N, C-alpha and C. Protein backbone atom coordinates (compact mmCIF):
# COMPACT_ATOMS: atom_id res chain seq x y z
N SER A 1 9.93 -6.15 -10.41
CA SER A 1 10.73 -5.01 -10.87
C SER A 1 11.94 -5.51 -11.64
N VAL A 2 12.14 -5.00 -12.84
CA VAL A 2 13.28 -5.39 -13.65
C VAL A 2 14.55 -4.79 -13.07
N ALA A 3 14.47 -3.58 -12.62
CA ALA A 3 15.64 -2.90 -12.06
C ALA A 3 15.15 -1.91 -11.01
N GLY A 4 16.02 -1.59 -10.09
CA GLY A 4 15.64 -0.61 -9.09
C GLY A 4 14.93 -1.23 -7.90
N LYS A 5 14.40 -0.39 -7.06
CA LYS A 5 13.75 -0.81 -5.82
C LYS A 5 12.45 -1.56 -6.11
N SER A 6 12.17 -2.56 -5.29
CA SER A 6 10.92 -3.29 -5.42
C SER A 6 9.72 -2.37 -5.27
N PHE A 7 8.71 -2.58 -6.08
CA PHE A 7 7.47 -1.83 -5.99
C PHE A 7 6.85 -2.00 -4.60
N TYR A 8 6.94 -3.20 -4.07
CA TYR A 8 6.36 -3.46 -2.75
C TYR A 8 7.10 -2.71 -1.66
N ALA A 9 8.41 -2.67 -1.76
CA ALA A 9 9.20 -1.92 -0.78
C ALA A 9 8.87 -0.44 -0.85
N LEU A 10 8.70 0.08 -2.04
CA LEU A 10 8.38 1.49 -2.21
C LEU A 10 7.05 1.83 -1.54
N ASN A 11 6.08 0.95 -1.68
CA ASN A 11 4.79 1.17 -1.03
C ASN A 11 4.93 1.26 0.48
N GLY A 12 5.71 0.35 1.05
CA GLY A 12 5.92 0.37 2.50
C GLY A 12 6.60 1.64 2.97
N GLU A 13 7.59 2.09 2.22
CA GLU A 13 8.31 3.30 2.60
C GLU A 13 7.42 4.54 2.53
N MET A 14 6.59 4.61 1.50
CA MET A 14 5.71 5.78 1.35
C MET A 14 4.75 5.91 2.53
N VAL A 15 4.17 4.79 2.94
CA VAL A 15 3.23 4.85 4.06
C VAL A 15 3.97 5.16 5.36
N ALA A 16 5.18 4.63 5.52
CA ALA A 16 5.97 4.94 6.71
C ALA A 16 6.27 6.43 6.80
N ASP A 17 6.60 7.04 5.69
CA ASP A 17 6.86 8.49 5.69
C ASP A 17 5.60 9.26 6.08
N TRP A 18 4.46 8.80 5.58
CA TRP A 18 3.19 9.45 5.92
C TRP A 18 2.91 9.35 7.42
N VAL A 19 3.12 8.17 7.98
CA VAL A 19 2.88 7.97 9.42
C VAL A 19 3.78 8.89 10.24
N ALA A 20 5.04 8.99 9.85
CA ALA A 20 5.99 9.82 10.59
C ALA A 20 5.51 11.28 10.62
N VAL A 21 5.07 11.78 9.48
CA VAL A 21 4.61 13.17 9.40
C VAL A 21 3.28 13.35 10.12
N GLN A 22 2.35 12.45 9.84
CA GLN A 22 1.01 12.57 10.40
C GLN A 22 1.01 12.53 11.92
N SER A 23 1.87 11.70 12.49
CA SER A 23 1.91 11.53 13.94
C SER A 23 2.85 12.51 14.63
N LYS A 24 3.51 13.35 13.83
CA LYS A 24 4.52 14.27 14.35
C LYS A 24 5.62 13.51 15.11
N GLY A 25 5.94 12.34 14.57
CA GLY A 25 7.06 11.57 15.09
C GLY A 25 6.80 10.80 16.36
N LYS A 26 5.51 10.50 16.65
CA LYS A 26 5.21 9.84 17.92
C LYS A 26 4.24 8.67 17.78
N ALA A 27 4.18 8.05 16.63
CA ALA A 27 3.21 6.98 16.41
C ALA A 27 3.60 5.69 17.09
N HIS A 28 2.60 4.95 17.52
CA HIS A 28 2.78 3.54 17.88
C HIS A 28 1.96 2.76 16.87
N VAL A 29 2.63 2.03 16.00
CA VAL A 29 1.99 1.39 14.86
C VAL A 29 1.89 -0.11 15.06
N LEU A 30 0.70 -0.63 14.83
CA LEU A 30 0.52 -2.08 14.74
C LEU A 30 0.61 -2.45 13.27
N ILE A 31 1.56 -3.30 12.92
CA ILE A 31 1.67 -3.79 11.55
C ILE A 31 0.96 -5.14 11.46
N ALA A 32 -0.04 -5.22 10.61
CA ALA A 32 -0.70 -6.49 10.31
C ALA A 32 0.05 -7.09 9.13
N ALA A 33 0.95 -8.01 9.43
CA ALA A 33 1.88 -8.54 8.42
C ALA A 33 1.44 -9.93 7.94
N VAL A 34 1.80 -10.22 6.70
CA VAL A 34 1.55 -11.55 6.12
C VAL A 34 2.82 -11.96 5.39
N ASP A 35 3.86 -12.23 6.16
CA ASP A 35 5.16 -12.54 5.56
C ASP A 35 5.16 -13.84 4.78
N ALA A 36 4.11 -14.66 4.95
CA ALA A 36 4.02 -15.90 4.18
C ALA A 36 3.95 -15.60 2.68
N PHE A 37 3.47 -14.41 2.33
CA PHE A 37 3.56 -13.92 0.95
C PHE A 37 4.84 -13.11 0.86
N THR A 38 5.79 -13.56 0.06
CA THR A 38 7.10 -12.92 -0.02
C THR A 38 7.01 -11.43 -0.31
N ALA A 39 6.18 -11.07 -1.27
CA ALA A 39 6.05 -9.66 -1.66
C ALA A 39 5.55 -8.81 -0.49
N LEU A 40 4.60 -9.35 0.27
CA LEU A 40 4.07 -8.60 1.40
C LEU A 40 5.07 -8.54 2.55
N GLY A 41 5.96 -9.52 2.61
CA GLY A 41 7.06 -9.43 3.56
C GLY A 41 7.97 -8.27 3.24
N GLU A 42 8.13 -7.99 1.94
CA GLU A 42 8.93 -6.84 1.52
C GLU A 42 8.27 -5.54 1.96
N VAL A 43 6.96 -5.49 1.88
CA VAL A 43 6.23 -4.29 2.33
C VAL A 43 6.51 -4.04 3.81
N ARG A 44 6.37 -5.08 4.62
CA ARG A 44 6.59 -4.93 6.07
C ARG A 44 8.03 -4.53 6.37
N THR A 45 8.99 -5.21 5.76
CA THR A 45 10.39 -4.93 6.02
C THR A 45 10.74 -3.49 5.67
N ALA A 46 10.27 -3.03 4.51
CA ALA A 46 10.57 -1.67 4.07
C ALA A 46 9.89 -0.64 4.97
N PHE A 47 8.65 -0.90 5.35
CA PHE A 47 7.94 0.02 6.24
C PHE A 47 8.68 0.15 7.56
N THR A 48 9.06 -0.97 8.14
CA THR A 48 9.74 -0.96 9.44
C THR A 48 11.07 -0.23 9.37
N ALA A 49 11.85 -0.51 8.33
CA ALA A 49 13.16 0.11 8.19
C ALA A 49 13.04 1.61 7.96
N GLU A 50 12.10 2.02 7.12
CA GLU A 50 11.93 3.44 6.82
C GLU A 50 11.43 4.20 8.04
N LEU A 51 10.50 3.61 8.77
CA LEU A 51 9.97 4.30 9.95
C LEU A 51 11.06 4.47 11.00
N ALA A 52 11.90 3.46 11.15
CA ALA A 52 13.00 3.57 12.12
C ALA A 52 13.96 4.68 11.72
N LYS A 53 14.12 4.87 10.41
CA LYS A 53 15.06 5.89 9.92
C LYS A 53 14.50 7.30 10.06
N VAL A 54 13.23 7.48 9.71
CA VAL A 54 12.68 8.84 9.67
C VAL A 54 11.92 9.21 10.94
N CYS A 55 11.66 8.23 11.80
CA CYS A 55 10.85 8.50 12.99
C CYS A 55 11.39 7.74 14.20
N PRO A 56 12.52 8.18 14.74
CA PRO A 56 13.10 7.46 15.89
C PRO A 56 12.20 7.45 17.12
N GLY A 57 11.24 8.37 17.17
CA GLY A 57 10.32 8.39 18.31
C GLY A 57 9.10 7.51 18.12
N CYS A 58 9.00 6.85 16.97
CA CYS A 58 7.87 5.95 16.70
C CYS A 58 8.16 4.55 17.21
N THR A 59 7.10 3.81 17.50
CA THR A 59 7.20 2.45 18.00
C THR A 59 6.40 1.53 17.09
N VAL A 60 6.91 0.32 16.88
CA VAL A 60 6.24 -0.65 16.01
C VAL A 60 5.96 -1.94 16.77
N THR A 61 4.75 -2.43 16.65
CA THR A 61 4.38 -3.75 17.13
C THR A 61 3.88 -4.53 15.93
N THR A 62 4.37 -5.74 15.75
CA THR A 62 4.00 -6.53 14.57
C THR A 62 3.23 -7.77 14.97
N THR A 63 2.13 -8.01 14.27
CA THR A 63 1.40 -9.26 14.43
C THR A 63 1.38 -9.97 13.09
N GLN A 64 1.83 -11.22 13.07
CA GLN A 64 1.89 -11.99 11.84
C GLN A 64 0.60 -12.80 11.65
N LEU A 65 0.02 -12.68 10.48
CA LEU A 65 -1.15 -13.46 10.14
C LEU A 65 -0.76 -14.58 9.17
N THR A 66 -1.41 -15.71 9.29
CA THR A 66 -1.21 -16.77 8.32
C THR A 66 -1.97 -16.42 7.05
N ILE A 67 -1.66 -17.12 5.97
CA ILE A 67 -2.39 -16.89 4.73
C ILE A 67 -3.88 -17.18 4.93
N GLY A 68 -4.17 -18.22 5.69
CA GLY A 68 -5.56 -18.56 5.94
C GLY A 68 -6.30 -17.48 6.69
N GLN A 69 -5.65 -16.88 7.67
CA GLN A 69 -6.28 -15.79 8.42
C GLN A 69 -6.49 -14.56 7.54
N ALA A 70 -5.48 -14.23 6.75
CA ALA A 70 -5.55 -13.02 5.93
C ALA A 70 -6.58 -13.14 4.82
N THR A 71 -6.68 -14.31 4.22
CA THR A 71 -7.58 -14.47 3.08
C THR A 71 -8.93 -15.07 3.49
N GLY A 72 -9.07 -15.44 4.73
CA GLY A 72 -10.29 -16.10 5.18
C GLY A 72 -11.16 -15.25 6.07
N SER A 73 -11.03 -13.94 5.95
CA SER A 73 -11.88 -13.00 6.71
C SER A 73 -11.68 -13.08 8.22
N GLN A 74 -10.49 -13.53 8.65
CA GLN A 74 -10.19 -13.58 10.08
C GLN A 74 -9.27 -12.44 10.52
N GLY A 75 -8.75 -11.71 9.54
CA GLY A 75 -7.74 -10.70 9.84
C GLY A 75 -8.22 -9.59 10.75
N ASN A 76 -9.44 -9.11 10.54
CA ASN A 76 -9.94 -8.01 11.35
C ASN A 76 -10.02 -8.38 12.82
N ALA A 77 -10.41 -9.62 13.10
CA ALA A 77 -10.49 -10.08 14.49
C ALA A 77 -9.10 -10.15 15.12
N VAL A 78 -8.11 -10.57 14.34
CA VAL A 78 -6.73 -10.62 14.85
C VAL A 78 -6.24 -9.21 15.18
N ILE A 79 -6.55 -8.27 14.30
CA ILE A 79 -6.11 -6.88 14.51
C ILE A 79 -6.78 -6.27 15.72
N THR A 80 -8.10 -6.40 15.82
CA THR A 80 -8.79 -5.79 16.95
C THR A 80 -8.34 -6.40 18.27
N GLY A 81 -8.06 -7.69 18.26
CA GLY A 81 -7.56 -8.32 19.47
C GLY A 81 -6.22 -7.75 19.90
N ALA A 82 -5.32 -7.55 18.92
CA ALA A 82 -4.01 -6.99 19.22
C ALA A 82 -4.13 -5.56 19.74
N LEU A 83 -5.05 -4.79 19.18
CA LEU A 83 -5.24 -3.41 19.61
C LEU A 83 -5.82 -3.34 21.03
N GLN A 84 -6.71 -4.25 21.34
CA GLN A 84 -7.29 -4.26 22.68
C GLN A 84 -6.26 -4.63 23.74
N ARG A 85 -5.31 -5.46 23.36
CA ARG A 85 -4.26 -5.85 24.31
C ARG A 85 -3.24 -4.75 24.53
N ASN A 86 -3.17 -3.79 23.60
CA ASN A 86 -2.17 -2.73 23.70
C ASN A 86 -2.81 -1.39 23.35
N PRO A 87 -3.45 -0.73 24.32
CA PRO A 87 -4.20 0.51 24.04
C PRO A 87 -3.32 1.69 23.66
N SER A 88 -1.99 1.57 23.73
CA SER A 88 -1.13 2.70 23.33
C SER A 88 -1.01 2.81 21.82
N ILE A 89 -1.43 1.79 21.09
CA ILE A 89 -1.34 1.80 19.62
C ILE A 89 -2.35 2.79 19.04
N ASP A 90 -1.87 3.68 18.18
CA ASP A 90 -2.78 4.66 17.57
C ASP A 90 -2.78 4.63 16.04
N TYR A 91 -2.02 3.73 15.46
CA TYR A 91 -2.05 3.52 14.01
C TYR A 91 -2.02 2.02 13.74
N VAL A 92 -2.72 1.59 12.71
CA VAL A 92 -2.59 0.22 12.25
C VAL A 92 -2.24 0.28 10.76
N PHE A 93 -1.24 -0.51 10.38
CA PHE A 93 -0.81 -0.56 8.99
C PHE A 93 -0.96 -1.98 8.49
N THR A 94 -1.82 -2.15 7.48
CA THR A 94 -2.00 -3.47 6.89
C THR A 94 -1.20 -3.52 5.59
N VAL A 95 -0.44 -4.59 5.40
CA VAL A 95 0.45 -4.67 4.24
C VAL A 95 -0.31 -4.91 2.94
N ASP A 96 -1.56 -5.32 3.04
CA ASP A 96 -2.42 -5.46 1.86
C ASP A 96 -3.84 -5.12 2.29
N GLY A 97 -4.25 -3.90 2.00
CA GLY A 97 -5.54 -3.42 2.47
C GLY A 97 -6.72 -4.25 2.00
N SER A 98 -6.58 -4.89 0.83
CA SER A 98 -7.70 -5.65 0.29
C SER A 98 -8.05 -6.87 1.14
N PHE A 99 -7.13 -7.31 2.00
CA PHE A 99 -7.39 -8.45 2.88
C PHE A 99 -8.27 -8.07 4.08
N PHE A 100 -8.44 -6.78 4.32
CA PHE A 100 -9.10 -6.36 5.56
C PHE A 100 -10.26 -5.39 5.29
N PRO A 101 -11.22 -5.79 4.47
CA PRO A 101 -12.37 -4.91 4.21
C PRO A 101 -13.20 -4.75 5.49
N GLY A 102 -13.70 -3.55 5.71
CA GLY A 102 -14.53 -3.32 6.88
C GLY A 102 -13.79 -3.26 8.18
N LEU A 103 -12.48 -3.00 8.13
CA LEU A 103 -11.70 -2.94 9.37
C LEU A 103 -12.21 -1.85 10.29
N SER A 104 -12.61 -0.72 9.72
CA SER A 104 -13.09 0.38 10.56
C SER A 104 -14.35 -0.03 11.33
N THR A 105 -15.19 -0.84 10.71
CA THR A 105 -16.40 -1.32 11.40
C THR A 105 -16.02 -2.22 12.57
N SER A 106 -15.01 -3.05 12.36
CA SER A 106 -14.54 -3.93 13.43
C SER A 106 -13.97 -3.11 14.59
N LEU A 107 -13.26 -2.04 14.28
CA LEU A 107 -12.71 -1.19 15.33
C LEU A 107 -13.84 -0.49 16.09
N SER A 108 -14.85 -0.04 15.36
CA SER A 108 -15.98 0.62 16.01
C SER A 108 -16.68 -0.32 16.98
N ALA A 109 -16.76 -1.58 16.61
CA ALA A 109 -17.48 -2.56 17.42
C ALA A 109 -16.82 -2.79 18.78
N VAL A 110 -15.51 -2.48 18.87
CA VAL A 110 -14.81 -2.66 20.14
C VAL A 110 -14.43 -1.32 20.76
N GLY A 111 -15.08 -0.26 20.31
CA GLY A 111 -14.88 1.05 20.92
C GLY A 111 -13.62 1.77 20.52
N LEU A 112 -13.06 1.43 19.36
CA LEU A 112 -11.81 2.05 18.93
C LEU A 112 -12.00 3.03 17.78
N ALA A 113 -13.23 3.34 17.44
CA ALA A 113 -13.48 4.29 16.35
C ALA A 113 -12.87 5.65 16.70
N GLY A 114 -12.08 6.19 15.77
CA GLY A 114 -11.47 7.49 15.98
C GLY A 114 -10.22 7.47 16.84
N LYS A 115 -9.92 6.34 17.44
CA LYS A 115 -8.74 6.25 18.30
C LYS A 115 -7.52 5.68 17.57
N VAL A 116 -7.78 4.95 16.50
CA VAL A 116 -6.71 4.31 15.73
C VAL A 116 -6.89 4.66 14.26
N GLN A 117 -5.86 5.22 13.64
CA GLN A 117 -5.92 5.54 12.22
C GLN A 117 -5.51 4.33 11.41
N ILE A 118 -6.22 4.10 10.32
CA ILE A 118 -5.98 2.92 9.48
C ILE A 118 -5.23 3.33 8.22
N ALA A 119 -4.08 2.70 8.01
CA ALA A 119 -3.27 2.92 6.81
C ALA A 119 -3.02 1.56 6.16
N SER A 120 -2.82 1.56 4.88
CA SER A 120 -2.57 0.29 4.19
C SER A 120 -1.74 0.51 2.95
N ALA A 121 -1.21 -0.59 2.44
CA ALA A 121 -0.60 -0.63 1.12
C ALA A 121 -1.47 -1.53 0.25
N ASN A 122 -1.31 -1.40 -1.06
CA ASN A 122 -2.02 -2.29 -2.00
C ASN A 122 -3.52 -2.30 -1.77
N GLY A 123 -4.10 -1.13 -1.58
CA GLY A 123 -5.52 -1.04 -1.28
C GLY A 123 -6.40 -1.34 -2.48
N SER A 124 -7.64 -1.67 -2.18
CA SER A 124 -8.65 -1.93 -3.20
C SER A 124 -9.62 -0.76 -3.28
N SER A 125 -10.63 -0.91 -4.11
CA SER A 125 -11.66 0.13 -4.21
C SER A 125 -12.39 0.31 -2.89
N LEU A 126 -12.50 -0.76 -2.09
CA LEU A 126 -13.16 -0.66 -0.79
C LEU A 126 -12.36 0.21 0.17
N ASN A 127 -11.03 0.08 0.14
CA ASN A 127 -10.19 0.94 0.96
C ASN A 127 -10.32 2.39 0.54
N GLU A 128 -10.33 2.62 -0.77
CA GLU A 128 -10.43 3.99 -1.27
C GLU A 128 -11.78 4.60 -0.91
N GLN A 129 -12.85 3.82 -0.99
CA GLN A 129 -14.16 4.32 -0.61
C GLN A 129 -14.18 4.65 0.88
N ALA A 130 -13.57 3.79 1.70
CA ALA A 130 -13.50 4.05 3.14
C ALA A 130 -12.73 5.32 3.44
N ILE A 131 -11.71 5.62 2.64
CA ILE A 131 -10.95 6.86 2.81
C ILE A 131 -11.84 8.06 2.52
N LEU A 132 -12.61 7.99 1.45
CA LEU A 132 -13.52 9.10 1.12
C LEU A 132 -14.57 9.31 2.20
N GLU A 133 -14.95 8.23 2.87
CA GLU A 133 -15.95 8.32 3.94
C GLU A 133 -15.33 8.67 5.29
N GLY A 134 -14.01 8.85 5.33
CA GLY A 134 -13.35 9.20 6.57
C GLY A 134 -13.15 8.04 7.52
N LYS A 135 -13.30 6.81 7.04
CA LYS A 135 -13.17 5.63 7.89
C LYS A 135 -11.76 5.06 7.89
N GLU A 136 -11.00 5.32 6.84
CA GLU A 136 -9.60 4.97 6.76
C GLU A 136 -8.83 6.23 6.36
N ALA A 137 -7.52 6.19 6.56
CA ALA A 137 -6.74 7.41 6.35
C ALA A 137 -5.97 7.44 5.04
N VAL A 138 -5.30 6.34 4.71
CA VAL A 138 -4.40 6.37 3.56
C VAL A 138 -4.18 4.95 3.04
N THR A 139 -3.95 4.85 1.74
CA THR A 139 -3.55 3.59 1.14
C THR A 139 -2.68 3.88 -0.06
N THR A 140 -2.17 2.84 -0.70
CA THR A 140 -1.48 2.97 -1.98
C THR A 140 -2.18 2.03 -2.95
N PRO A 141 -2.27 2.40 -4.22
CA PRO A 141 -2.98 1.58 -5.21
C PRO A 141 -2.04 0.65 -5.96
N THR A 142 -2.62 -0.21 -6.79
CA THR A 142 -1.84 -1.07 -7.67
C THR A 142 -2.32 -0.87 -9.10
N ALA A 143 -1.40 -0.57 -9.98
CA ALA A 143 -1.73 -0.30 -11.39
C ALA A 143 -1.74 -1.62 -12.16
N VAL A 144 -2.84 -2.36 -12.04
CA VAL A 144 -2.92 -3.70 -12.62
C VAL A 144 -2.79 -3.67 -14.13
N THR A 145 -3.56 -2.84 -14.79
CA THR A 145 -3.53 -2.79 -16.25
C THR A 145 -2.18 -2.27 -16.76
N ILE A 146 -1.69 -1.23 -16.14
CA ILE A 146 -0.39 -0.68 -16.57
C ILE A 146 0.72 -1.69 -16.38
N ALA A 147 0.59 -2.56 -15.37
CA ALA A 147 1.58 -3.62 -15.18
C ALA A 147 1.65 -4.53 -16.40
N GLY A 148 0.51 -4.80 -17.00
CA GLY A 148 0.50 -5.62 -18.21
C GLY A 148 1.22 -4.95 -19.36
N TRP A 149 1.00 -3.66 -19.52
CA TRP A 149 1.71 -2.90 -20.56
C TRP A 149 3.20 -2.89 -20.28
N MET A 150 3.57 -2.79 -19.00
CA MET A 150 4.99 -2.77 -18.64
C MET A 150 5.68 -4.09 -18.96
N VAL A 151 4.96 -5.20 -18.77
CA VAL A 151 5.52 -6.51 -19.11
C VAL A 151 5.82 -6.59 -20.60
N VAL A 152 4.90 -6.09 -21.42
CA VAL A 152 5.13 -6.07 -22.86
C VAL A 152 6.33 -5.20 -23.19
N ASP A 153 6.43 -4.04 -22.55
CA ASP A 153 7.56 -3.14 -22.80
C ASP A 153 8.88 -3.81 -22.42
N ALA A 154 8.90 -4.51 -21.28
CA ALA A 154 10.12 -5.18 -20.83
C ALA A 154 10.54 -6.26 -21.83
N ALA A 155 9.55 -7.00 -22.34
CA ALA A 155 9.86 -8.05 -23.32
C ALA A 155 10.41 -7.45 -24.61
N LEU A 156 9.81 -6.35 -25.08
CA LEU A 156 10.28 -5.71 -26.30
C LEU A 156 11.72 -5.21 -26.13
N ARG A 157 12.01 -4.64 -24.98
CA ARG A 157 13.38 -4.17 -24.74
C ARG A 157 14.36 -5.34 -24.76
N HIS A 158 13.95 -6.46 -24.18
CA HIS A 158 14.82 -7.64 -24.15
C HIS A 158 15.10 -8.15 -25.57
N PHE A 159 14.06 -8.27 -26.39
CA PHE A 159 14.23 -8.80 -27.73
C PHE A 159 15.03 -7.85 -28.62
N GLU A 160 14.97 -6.55 -28.30
CA GLU A 160 15.73 -5.56 -29.08
C GLU A 160 17.15 -5.38 -28.55
N GLY A 161 17.47 -6.06 -27.47
CA GLY A 161 18.80 -5.94 -26.89
C GLY A 161 19.03 -4.60 -26.22
N MET A 162 17.98 -3.97 -25.78
CA MET A 162 18.09 -2.65 -25.15
C MET A 162 18.35 -2.80 -23.65
N SER A 163 18.93 -1.78 -23.08
CA SER A 163 19.17 -1.77 -21.64
C SER A 163 17.93 -1.25 -20.93
N TYR A 164 17.90 -1.47 -19.62
CA TYR A 164 16.80 -0.96 -18.81
C TYR A 164 17.28 0.25 -18.03
N PRO A 165 16.58 1.37 -18.12
CA PRO A 165 17.00 2.59 -17.41
C PRO A 165 17.00 2.36 -15.89
N ALA A 166 17.73 3.20 -15.18
CA ALA A 166 17.77 3.12 -13.72
C ALA A 166 16.36 3.24 -13.16
N GLY A 167 16.02 2.35 -12.25
CA GLY A 167 14.70 2.39 -11.64
C GLY A 167 13.60 1.81 -12.49
N TYR A 168 13.96 1.21 -13.62
CA TYR A 168 12.95 0.66 -14.52
C TYR A 168 12.18 -0.48 -13.86
N GLY A 169 10.90 -0.56 -14.13
CA GLY A 169 10.10 -1.68 -13.67
C GLY A 169 9.09 -1.33 -12.60
N ASN A 170 9.27 -0.21 -11.94
CA ASN A 170 8.29 0.17 -10.92
C ASN A 170 7.05 0.77 -11.56
N LEU A 171 5.91 0.47 -10.97
CA LEU A 171 4.64 0.97 -11.48
C LEU A 171 4.33 2.35 -10.90
N PRO A 172 3.51 3.12 -11.56
CA PRO A 172 3.10 4.41 -10.98
C PRO A 172 2.33 4.16 -9.69
N VAL A 173 2.58 4.99 -8.70
CA VAL A 173 1.93 4.82 -7.40
C VAL A 173 1.88 6.16 -6.69
N GLN A 174 0.96 6.32 -5.77
CA GLN A 174 0.91 7.52 -4.96
C GLN A 174 0.21 7.20 -3.65
N LEU A 175 0.31 8.09 -2.70
CA LEU A 175 -0.46 7.97 -1.48
C LEU A 175 -1.89 8.42 -1.79
N ILE A 176 -2.83 7.57 -1.50
CA ILE A 176 -4.24 7.88 -1.71
C ILE A 176 -4.82 8.41 -0.40
N THR A 177 -5.23 9.66 -0.39
CA THR A 177 -5.86 10.26 0.78
C THR A 177 -7.12 10.99 0.35
N LYS A 178 -7.93 11.36 1.31
CA LYS A 178 -9.16 12.09 1.00
C LYS A 178 -8.85 13.46 0.42
N SER A 179 -7.75 14.06 0.87
CA SER A 179 -7.43 15.42 0.45
C SER A 179 -6.90 15.51 -0.98
N ASN A 180 -6.42 14.38 -1.54
CA ASN A 180 -5.87 14.46 -2.90
C ASN A 180 -6.70 13.65 -3.90
N VAL A 181 -8.00 13.49 -3.62
CA VAL A 181 -8.86 12.69 -4.48
C VAL A 181 -8.87 13.21 -5.92
N ALA A 182 -8.68 14.48 -6.11
CA ALA A 182 -8.70 15.04 -7.47
C ALA A 182 -7.63 14.43 -8.36
N SER A 183 -6.56 13.92 -7.74
CA SER A 183 -5.45 13.36 -8.52
C SER A 183 -5.60 11.88 -8.80
N TRP A 184 -6.55 11.21 -8.14
CA TRP A 184 -6.72 9.77 -8.39
C TRP A 184 -8.14 9.37 -8.78
N GLY A 185 -9.11 10.22 -8.56
CA GLY A 185 -10.45 9.98 -9.07
C GLY A 185 -11.29 9.09 -8.18
N ALA A 186 -12.27 8.42 -8.79
CA ALA A 186 -13.21 7.59 -8.05
C ALA A 186 -12.54 6.31 -7.57
N PRO A 187 -13.07 5.71 -6.49
CA PRO A 187 -12.49 4.45 -5.99
C PRO A 187 -12.43 3.38 -7.07
N SER A 188 -11.29 2.71 -7.14
CA SER A 188 -11.07 1.67 -8.14
C SER A 188 -9.99 0.73 -7.65
N SER A 189 -10.06 -0.52 -8.06
CA SER A 189 -9.01 -1.47 -7.71
C SER A 189 -7.92 -1.51 -8.78
N ASP A 190 -7.98 -0.60 -9.73
CA ASP A 190 -6.96 -0.51 -10.78
C ASP A 190 -6.56 0.96 -10.93
N TYR A 191 -5.29 1.24 -10.70
CA TYR A 191 -4.78 2.61 -10.75
C TYR A 191 -4.38 2.94 -12.18
N LEU A 192 -5.09 3.86 -12.81
CA LEU A 192 -4.87 4.19 -14.21
C LEU A 192 -4.38 5.63 -14.34
N VAL A 193 -3.29 5.92 -13.67
CA VAL A 193 -2.68 7.25 -13.70
C VAL A 193 -1.21 7.09 -14.10
N PRO A 194 -0.73 7.81 -15.10
CA PRO A 194 -1.42 8.88 -15.84
C PRO A 194 -2.45 8.33 -16.81
N GLY A 195 -3.47 9.14 -17.08
CA GLY A 195 -4.57 8.69 -17.91
C GLY A 195 -4.18 8.40 -19.35
N ASP A 196 -3.07 8.96 -19.82
CA ASP A 196 -2.65 8.75 -21.21
C ASP A 196 -1.57 7.68 -21.32
N TYR A 197 -1.55 6.73 -20.36
CA TYR A 197 -0.48 5.73 -20.34
C TYR A 197 -0.40 4.94 -21.65
N ALA A 198 -1.55 4.62 -22.25
CA ALA A 198 -1.55 3.83 -23.48
C ALA A 198 -0.87 4.60 -24.61
N GLN A 199 -1.19 5.88 -24.73
CA GLN A 199 -0.57 6.69 -25.78
C GLN A 199 0.93 6.83 -25.57
N VAL A 200 1.34 6.91 -24.31
CA VAL A 200 2.77 7.02 -24.01
C VAL A 200 3.51 5.76 -24.46
N PHE A 201 2.95 4.59 -24.12
CA PHE A 201 3.58 3.34 -24.55
C PHE A 201 3.58 3.21 -26.07
N GLU A 202 2.47 3.54 -26.71
CA GLU A 202 2.39 3.40 -28.16
C GLU A 202 3.38 4.31 -28.88
N LYS A 203 3.57 5.50 -28.34
CA LYS A 203 4.56 6.40 -28.92
C LYS A 203 5.96 5.84 -28.74
N LEU A 204 6.22 5.27 -27.57
CA LEU A 204 7.53 4.67 -27.30
C LEU A 204 7.80 3.50 -28.23
N TRP A 205 6.76 2.73 -28.53
CA TRP A 205 6.91 1.55 -29.39
C TRP A 205 6.80 1.87 -30.87
N HIS A 206 6.58 3.16 -31.20
CA HIS A 206 6.42 3.60 -32.60
C HIS A 206 5.24 2.89 -33.27
N VAL A 207 4.17 2.70 -32.51
CA VAL A 207 2.99 2.07 -33.07
C VAL A 207 2.35 2.98 -34.12
N GLY A 208 2.13 2.43 -35.30
CA GLY A 208 1.51 3.19 -36.38
C GLY A 208 2.46 4.07 -37.14
N SER A 209 3.76 4.07 -36.75
CA SER A 209 4.71 4.94 -37.47
C SER A 209 5.44 4.17 -38.54
């Protein structure tokens, strides 16, 4: 982010707000954290701080995964183990949903299907498909292509000596749920909303004028 709040922090806060509302202020959340990745540490920190602010009746339990566990298909086993040790947990929040494909299947295998809601940040197409199938509850996407356009825009502003508006640098994002699929479309690992983003940038850059 060039200016304003970190994109990663924003993702954590959005999911925390959703948990607070969805649980009616009584969630016990297991955070599957990977603080070894600095950006994902920001997701966890922001989620925890926001939930404490908006949901004083909520409880958080955090389990830290190593990079090897998170990227080596060991994460689901770590999560299910933590849930089995603490049956009061009714939500699990993964700071990067793409690290935990098939988490709902792992929960089903230990008898936790329907007992724990799965939320994530930085979800992939697999997370979005699981949401449509009712296996996960919510995620946030990452606008990979739009990020590239934003980098070009930031460079152009720098070379032109222009200032950056308040909040500049954050990518478009939303809570992805089954009920709002009309606003985000088919499962994808690249968030391309708004659909006319290219035309907006080209108009801003006076392309062809």
